[in-house]
Every structure is written in structure tokens, then in C-alpha cells.
Amino acid sequence: RQYAISLTDSDGTHLSGLVLGSGPKGVLLA
């Protein structure tokens, strides 16, 4: 849970998200 983040869409909608790991190789899972 320490890796939780907040995101805000272009229409102002707020989202909860999770970021695991770091670095230049990114993976997004929807």
C-alpha cells in the first residue's frame, strides 16, 4: 500500500493507482 499514488484525468477525475518497481522499462496494466 505504500506504493499507492493518485492520478488525475484530463476531465478532472481522480484515480487510485499503484506503482511497483522503477526504471526506464515501463509496463502499464489496465
PDB file of all heavy atoms in Angstrom:
ATOM      1  N   ARG A   1       0.811  -1.218   0.000  1.00  0.00           N
ATOM      2  CA  ARG A   1       0.000   0.000   0.000  1.00  0.00           C
ATOM      3  C   ARG A   1       0.843   1.267   0.000  1.00  0.00           C
ATOM      4  O   ARG A   1       0.365   2.337  -0.383  1.00  0.00           O
ATOM      5  CB  ARG A   1      -0.969  -0.020   1.181  1.00  0.00           C
ATOM      6  CG  ARG A   1      -2.030  -1.105   1.041  1.00  0.00           C
ATOM      7  CD  ARG A   1      -2.919  -1.210   2.264  1.00  0.00           C
ATOM      8  NE  ARG A   1      -3.819  -2.366   2.146  1.00  0.00           N
ATOM      9  CZ  ARG A   1      -4.642  -2.782   3.101  1.00  0.00           C
ATOM     10  NH1 ARG A   1      -4.688  -2.128   4.262  1.00  0.00           N
ATOM     11  NH2 ARG A   1      -5.413  -3.844   2.910  1.00  0.00           N
ATOM     12  N   GLN A   2       2.086   1.155   0.420  1.00  0.00           N
ATOM     13  CA  GLN A   2       2.987   2.317   0.404  1.00  0.00           C
ATOM     14  C   GLN A   2       3.284   2.791  -1.010  1.00  0.00           C
ATOM     15  O   GLN A   2       3.768   3.906  -1.208  1.00  0.00           O
ATOM     16  CB  GLN A   2       4.297   1.961   1.106  1.00  0.00           C
ATOM     17  CG  GLN A   2       5.064   0.835   0.430  1.00  0.00           C
ATOM     18  CD  GLN A   2       6.318   0.438   1.170  1.00  0.00           C
ATOM     19  OE1 GLN A   2       7.177   1.278   1.426  1.00  0.00           O
ATOM     20  NE2 GLN A   2       6.424  -0.844   1.533  1.00  0.00           N
ATOM     21  N   TYR A   3       2.991   1.966  -2.009  1.00  0.00           N
ATOM     22  CA  TYR A   3       3.262   2.314  -3.402  1.00  0.00           C
ATOM     23  C   TYR A   3       2.040   2.909  -4.106  1.00  0.00           C
ATOM     24  O   TYR A   3       2.039   3.085  -5.322  1.00  0.00           O
ATOM     25  CB  TYR A   3       3.753   1.078  -4.161  1.00  0.00           C
ATOM     26  CG  TYR A   3       4.962   0.424  -3.527  1.00  0.00           C
ATOM     27  CD1 TYR A   3       4.926  -0.911  -3.126  1.00  0.00           C
ATOM     28  CD2 TYR A   3       6.125   1.154  -3.318  1.00  0.00           C
ATOM     29  CE1 TYR A   3       6.027  -1.510  -2.531  1.00  0.00           C
ATOM     30  CE2 TYR A   3       7.236   0.563  -2.720  1.00  0.00           C
ATOM     31  CZ  TYR A   3       7.174  -0.766  -2.328  1.00  0.00           C
ATOM     32  OH  TYR A   3       8.269  -1.344  -1.724  1.00  0.00           O
ATOM     33  N   ALA A   4       1.001   3.215  -3.338  1.00  0.00           N
ATOM     34  CA  ALA A   4      -0.199   3.822  -3.916  1.00  0.00           C
ATOM     35  C   ALA A   4       0.086   5.253  -4.365  1.00  0.00           C
ATOM     36  O   ALA A   4       0.914   5.959  -3.773  1.00  0.00           O
ATOM     37  CB  ALA A   4      -1.327   3.817  -2.888  1.00  0.00           C
ATOM     38  N   ILE A   5      -0.596   5.673  -5.429  1.00  0.00           N
ATOM     39  CA  ILE A   5      -0.460   7.030  -5.954  1.00  0.00           C
ATOM     40  C   ILE A   5      -1.841   7.575  -6.295  1.00  0.00           C
ATOM     41  O   ILE A   5      -2.829   6.833  -6.301  1.00  0.00           O
ATOM     42  CB  ILE A   5       0.430   7.081  -7.216  1.00  0.00           C
ATOM     43  CG1 ILE A   5      -0.225   6.280  -8.363  1.00  0.00           C
ATOM     44  CG2 ILE A   5       1.842   6.586  -6.926  1.00  0.00           C
ATOM     45  CD1 ILE A   5       0.419   6.505  -9.709  1.00  0.00           C
ATOM     46  N   SER A   6      -1.904   8.861  -6.575  1.00  0.00           N
ATOM     47  CA  SER A   6      -3.122   9.489  -7.101  1.00  0.00           C
ATOM     48  C   SER A   6      -2.873   9.930  -8.531  1.00  0.00           C
ATOM     49  O   SER A   6      -1.780  10.403  -8.860  1.00  0.00           O
ATOM     50  CB  SER A   6      -3.526  10.701  -6.261  1.00  0.00           C
ATOM     51  OG  SER A   6      -3.990  10.327  -4.988  1.00  0.00           O
ATOM     52  N   LEU A   7      -3.874   9.765  -9.367  1.00  0.00           N
ATOM     53  CA  LEU A   7      -3.830  10.211 -10.754  1.00  0.00           C
ATOM     54  C   LEU A   7      -5.024  11.129 -11.003  1.00  0.00           C
ATOM     55  O   LEU A   7      -6.082  10.943 -10.400  1.00  0.00           O
ATOM     56  CB  LEU A   7      -3.902   9.017 -11.719  1.00  0.00           C
ATOM     57  CG  LEU A   7      -2.788   7.989 -11.645  1.00  0.00           C
ATOM     58  CD1 LEU A   7      -3.197   6.708 -12.370  1.00  0.00           C
ATOM     59  CD2 LEU A   7      -1.520   8.549 -12.252  1.00  0.00           C
ATOM     60  N   THR A   8      -4.844  12.088 -11.899  1.00  0.00           N
ATOM     61  CA  THR A   8      -5.951  12.971 -12.267  1.00  0.00           C
ATOM     62  C   THR A   8      -6.064  13.011 -13.786  1.00  0.00           C
ATOM     63  O   THR A   8      -5.093  13.322 -14.486  1.00  0.00           O
ATOM     64  CB  THR A   8      -5.744  14.399 -11.725  1.00  0.00           C
ATOM     65  OG1 THR A   8      -5.607  14.349 -10.302  1.00  0.00           O
ATOM     66  CG2 THR A   8      -6.935  15.278 -12.084  1.00  0.00           C
ATOM     67  N   ASP A   9      -7.258  12.673 -14.283  1.00  0.00           N
ATOM     68  CA  ASP A   9      -7.503  12.634 -15.720  1.00  0.00           C
ATOM     69  C   ASP A   9      -7.633  14.037 -16.310  1.00  0.00           C
ATOM     70  O   ASP A   9      -7.756  15.020 -15.586  1.00  0.00           O
ATOM     71  CB  ASP A   9      -8.796  11.880 -16.011  1.00  0.00           C
ATOM     72  CG  ASP A   9      -8.657  10.390 -15.813  1.00  0.00           C
ATOM     73  OD1 ASP A   9      -7.612   9.956 -15.297  1.00  0.00           O
ATOM     74  OD2 ASP A   9      -9.597   9.664 -16.166  1.00  0.00           O
ATOM     75  N   SER A  10      -7.680  14.081 -17.625  1.00  0.00           N
ATOM     76  CA  SER A  10      -7.857  15.357 -18.317  1.00  0.00           C
ATOM     77  C   SER A  10      -9.211  15.990 -18.004  1.00  0.00           C
ATOM     78  O   SER A  10      -9.380  17.203 -18.122  1.00  0.00           O
ATOM     79  CB  SER A  10      -7.719  15.151 -19.832  1.00  0.00           C
ATOM     80  OG  SER A  10      -8.699  14.227 -20.301  1.00  0.00           O
ATOM     81  N   ASP A  11     -10.196  15.168 -17.596  1.00  0.00           N
ATOM     82  CA  ASP A  11     -11.516  15.702 -17.249  1.00  0.00           C
ATOM     83  C   ASP A  11     -11.668  15.950 -15.751  1.00  0.00           C
ATOM     84  O   ASP A  11     -12.764  16.241 -15.271  1.00  0.00           O
ATOM     85  CB  ASP A  11     -12.625  14.786 -17.759  1.00  0.00           C
ATOM     86  CG  ASP A  11     -12.557  13.380 -17.158  1.00  0.00           C
ATOM     87  OD1 ASP A  11     -11.743  13.144 -16.233  1.00  0.00           O
ATOM     88  OD2 ASP A  11     -13.322  12.508 -17.602  1.00  0.00           O
ATOM     89  N   GLY A  12     -10.555  15.820 -15.010  1.00  0.00           N
ATOM     90  CA  GLY A  12     -10.572  16.106 -13.586  1.00  0.00           C
ATOM     91  C   GLY A  12     -10.898  14.931 -12.697  1.00  0.00           C
ATOM     92  O   GLY A  12     -10.897  15.059 -11.467  1.00  0.00           O
ATOM     93  N   THR A  13     -11.180  13.770 -13.264  1.00  0.00           N
ATOM     94  CA  THR A  13     -11.493  12.584 -12.475  1.00  0.00           C
ATOM     95  C   THR A  13     -10.241  12.095 -11.750  1.00  0.00           C
ATOM     96  O   THR A  13      -9.166  11.992 -12.340  1.00  0.00           O
ATOM     97  CB  THR A  13     -12.032  11.457 -13.373  1.00  0.00           C
ATOM     98  OG1 THR A  13     -13.203  11.920 -14.049  1.00  0.00           O
ATOM     99  CG2 THR A  13     -12.375  10.229 -12.550  1.00  0.00           C
ATOM    100  N   HIS A  14     -10.382  11.777 -10.460  1.00  0.00           N
ATOM    101  CA  HIS A  14      -9.267  11.303  -9.656  1.00  0.00           C
ATOM    102  C   HIS A  14      -9.273   9.774  -9.588  1.00  0.00           C
ATOM    103  O   HIS A  14     -10.325   9.159  -9.390  1.00  0.00           O
ATOM    104  CB  HIS A  14      -9.338  11.876  -8.244  1.00  0.00           C
ATOM    105  CG  HIS A  14      -9.282  13.374  -8.205  1.00  0.00           C
ATOM    106  ND1 HIS A  14      -8.211  14.088  -8.697  1.00  0.00           N
ATOM    107  CD2 HIS A  14     -10.168  14.290  -7.734  1.00  0.00           C
ATOM    108  CE1 HIS A  14      -8.424  15.382  -8.530  1.00  0.00           C
ATOM    109  NE2 HIS A  14      -9.606  15.532  -7.958  1.00  0.00           N
ATOM    110  N   LEU A  15      -8.096   9.207  -9.712  1.00  0.00           N
ATOM    111  CA  LEU A  15      -7.957   7.757  -9.693  1.00  0.00           C
ATOM    112  C   LEU A  15      -6.951   7.323  -8.635  1.00  0.00           C
ATOM    113  O   LEU A  15      -6.011   8.053  -8.313  1.00  0.00           O
ATOM    114  CB  LEU A  15      -7.455   7.231 -11.051  1.00  0.00           C
ATOM    115  CG  LEU A  15      -8.171   7.677 -12.314  1.00  0.00           C
ATOM    116  CD1 LEU A  15      -7.417   7.144 -13.532  1.00  0.00           C
ATOM    117  CD2 LEU A  15      -9.619   7.210 -12.318  1.00  0.00           C
ATOM    118  N   SER A  16      -7.161   6.122  -8.143  1.00  0.00           N
ATOM    119  CA  SER A  16      -6.152   5.465  -7.319  1.00  0.00           C
ATOM    120  C   SER A  16      -5.286   4.614  -8.239  1.00  0.00           C
ATOM    121  O   SER A  16      -5.766   4.062  -9.235  1.00  0.00           O
ATOM    122  CB  SER A  16      -6.821   4.578  -6.270  1.00  0.00           C
ATOM    123  OG  SER A  16      -5.856   3.831  -5.544  1.00  0.00           O
ATOM    124  N   GLY A  17      -4.028   4.520  -7.926  1.00  0.00           N
ATOM    125  CA  GLY A  17      -3.126   3.713  -8.740  1.00  0.00           C
ATOM    126  C   GLY A  17      -2.036   3.110  -7.889  1.00  0.00           C
ATOM    127  O   GLY A  17      -1.876   3.455  -6.708  1.00  0.00           O
ATOM    128  N   LEU A  18      -1.292   2.210  -8.489  1.00  0.00           N
ATOM    129  CA  LEU A  18      -0.208   1.525  -7.807  1.00  0.00           C
ATOM    130  C   LEU A  18       1.001   1.503  -8.732  1.00  0.00           C
ATOM    131  O   LEU A  18       0.868   1.171  -9.915  1.00  0.00           O
ATOM    132  CB  LEU A  18      -0.638   0.101  -7.467  1.00  0.00           C
ATOM    133  CG  LEU A  18       0.121  -0.681  -6.394  1.00  0.00           C
ATOM    134  CD1 LEU A  18       0.024   0.005  -5.034  1.00  0.00           C
ATOM    135  CD2 LEU A  18      -0.420  -2.100  -6.314  1.00  0.00           C
ATOM    136  N   VAL A  19       2.162   1.897  -8.215  1.00  0.00           N
ATOM    137  CA  VAL A  19       3.397   1.831  -8.987  1.00  0.00           C
ATOM    138  C   VAL A  19       4.351   0.884  -8.284  1.00  0.00           C
ATOM    139  O   VAL A  19       4.753   1.117  -7.137  1.00  0.00           O
ATOM    140  CB  VAL A  19       4.054   3.213  -9.148  1.00  0.00           C
ATOM    141  CG1 VAL A  19       5.372   3.077  -9.915  1.00  0.00           C
ATOM    142  CG2 VAL A  19       3.133   4.165  -9.882  1.00  0.00           C
ATOM    143  N   LEU A  20       4.727  -0.187  -8.962  1.00  0.00           N
ATOM    144  CA  LEU A  20       5.647  -1.169  -8.421  1.00  0.00           C
ATOM    145  C   LEU A  20       6.934  -1.131  -9.220  1.00  0.00           C
ATOM    146  O   LEU A  20       6.909  -1.145 -10.450  1.00  0.00           O
ATOM    147  CB  LEU A  20       5.038  -2.573  -8.489  1.00  0.00           C
ATOM    148  CG  LEU A  20       3.672  -2.748  -7.823  1.00  0.00           C
ATOM    149  CD1 LEU A  20       3.151  -4.166  -8.043  1.00  0.00           C
ATOM    150  CD2 LEU A  20       3.742  -2.441  -6.337  1.00  0.00           C
ATOM    151  N   GLY A  21       8.068  -1.072  -8.538  1.00  0.00           N
ATOM    152  CA  GLY A  21       9.345  -1.031  -9.225  1.00  0.00           C
ATOM    153  C   GLY A  21       9.664   0.348  -9.753  1.00  0.00           C
ATOM    154  O   GLY A  21       8.941   1.319  -9.518  1.00  0.00           O
ATOM    155  N   SER A  22      10.756   0.442 -10.482  1.00  0.00           N
ATOM    156  CA  SER A  22      11.194   1.715 -11.046  1.00  0.00           C
ATOM    157  C   SER A  22      12.079   1.440 -12.249  1.00  0.00           C
ATOM    158  O   SER A  22      12.417   0.287 -12.536  1.00  0.00           O
ATOM    159  CB  SER A  22      11.965   2.535  -9.998  1.00  0.00           C
ATOM    160  OG  SER A  22      13.117   1.823  -9.563  1.00  0.00           O
ATOM    161  N   GLY A  23      12.452   2.503 -12.957  1.00  0.00           N
ATOM    162  CA  GLY A  23      13.365   2.341 -14.084  1.00  0.00           C
ATOM    163  C   GLY A  23      12.759   2.731 -15.410  1.00  0.00           C
ATOM    164  O   GLY A  23      11.583   3.080 -15.508  1.00  0.00           O
ATOM    165  N   PRO A  24      13.568   2.662 -16.466  1.00  0.00           N
ATOM    166  CA  PRO A  24      13.146   3.149 -17.787  1.00  0.00           C
ATOM    167  C   PRO A  24      12.256   2.190 -18.568  1.00  0.00           C
ATOM    168  O   PRO A  24      11.678   2.569 -19.576  1.00  0.00           O
ATOM    169  CB  PRO A  24      14.473   3.357 -18.515  1.00  0.00           C
ATOM    170  CG  PRO A  24      15.383   2.328 -17.902  1.00  0.00           C
ATOM    171  CD  PRO A  24      14.985   2.266 -16.455  1.00  0.00           C
ATOM    172  N   LYS A  25      12.135   0.947 -18.117  1.00  0.00           N
ATOM    173  CA  LYS A  25      11.294  -0.025 -18.806  1.00  0.00           C
ATOM    174  C   LYS A  25       9.947  -0.080 -18.096  1.00  0.00           C
ATOM    175  O   LYS A  25       9.826  -0.628 -16.993  1.00  0.00           O
ATOM    176  CB  LYS A  25      11.946  -1.397 -18.832  1.00  0.00           C
ATOM    177  CG  LYS A  25      13.255  -1.437 -19.630  1.00  0.00           C
ATOM    178  CD  LYS A  25      13.854  -2.828 -19.644  1.00  0.00           C
ATOM    179  CE  LYS A  25      15.117  -2.882 -20.486  1.00  0.00           C
ATOM    180  NZ  LYS A  25      15.703  -4.249 -20.523  1.00  0.00           N
ATOM    181  N   GLY A  26       8.928   0.495 -18.729  1.00  0.00           N
ATOM    182  CA  GLY A  26       7.629   0.619 -18.087  1.00  0.00           C
ATOM    183  C   GLY A  26       6.589  -0.341 -18.633  1.00  0.00           C
ATOM    184  O   GLY A  26       6.575  -0.651 -19.826  1.00  0.00           O
ATOM    185  N   VAL A  27       5.728  -0.799 -17.754  1.00  0.00           N
ATOM    186  CA  VAL A  27       4.605  -1.661 -18.128  1.00  0.00           C
ATOM    187  C   VAL A  27       3.348  -1.086 -17.494  1.00  0.00           C
ATOM    188  O   VAL A  27       3.312  -0.822 -16.291  1.00  0.00           O
ATOM    189  CB  VAL A  27       4.807  -3.107 -17.653  1.00  0.00           C
ATOM    190  CG1 VAL A  27       3.594  -3.963 -18.038  1.00  0.00           C
ATOM    191  CG2 VAL A  27       6.086  -3.703 -18.226  1.00  0.00           C
ATOM    192  N   LEU A  28       2.315  -0.884 -18.297  1.00  0.00           N
ATOM    193  CA  LEU A  28       1.022  -0.424 -17.792  1.00  0.00           C
ATOM    194  C   LEU A  28       0.012  -1.544 -17.973  1.00  0.00           C
ATOM    195  O   LEU A  28      -0.095  -2.114 -19.060  1.00  0.00           O
ATOM    196  CB  LEU A  28       0.566   0.831 -18.533  1.00  0.00           C
ATOM    197  CG  LEU A  28      -0.686   1.529 -17.992  1.00  0.00           C
ATOM    198  CD1 LEU A  28      -0.649   3.028 -18.310  1.00  0.00           C
ATOM    199  CD2 LEU A  28      -1.977   0.925 -18.561  1.00  0.00           C
ATOM    200  N   LEU A  29      -0.714  -1.855 -16.909  1.00  0.00           N
ATOM    201  CA  LEU A  29      -1.684  -2.938 -16.928  1.00  0.00           C
ATOM    202  C   LEU A  29      -3.055  -2.395 -16.555  1.00  0.00           C
ATOM    203  O   LEU A  29      -3.237  -1.834 -15.470  1.00  0.00           O
ATOM    204  CB  LEU A  29      -1.267  -4.039 -15.945  1.00  0.00           C
ATOM    205  CG  LEU A  29       0.112  -4.671 -16.213  1.00  0.00           C
ATOM    206  CD1 LEU A  29       0.503  -5.595 -15.064  1.00  0.00           C
ATOM    207  CD2 LEU A  29       0.113  -5.438 -17.535  1.00  0.00           C
ATOM    208  N   ALA A  30      -4.034  -2.542 -17.446  1.00  0.00           N
ATOM    209  CA  ALA A  30      -5.376  -1.982 -17.258  1.00  0.00           C
ATOM    210  C   ALA A  30      -6.384  -3.111 -17.040  1.00  0.00           C
ATOM    211  O   ALA A  30      -6.553  -3.976 -17.898  1.00  0.00           O
ATOM    212  CB  ALA A  30      -5.770  -1.141 -18.471  1.00  0.00           C
TER     213      ALA A  30
END
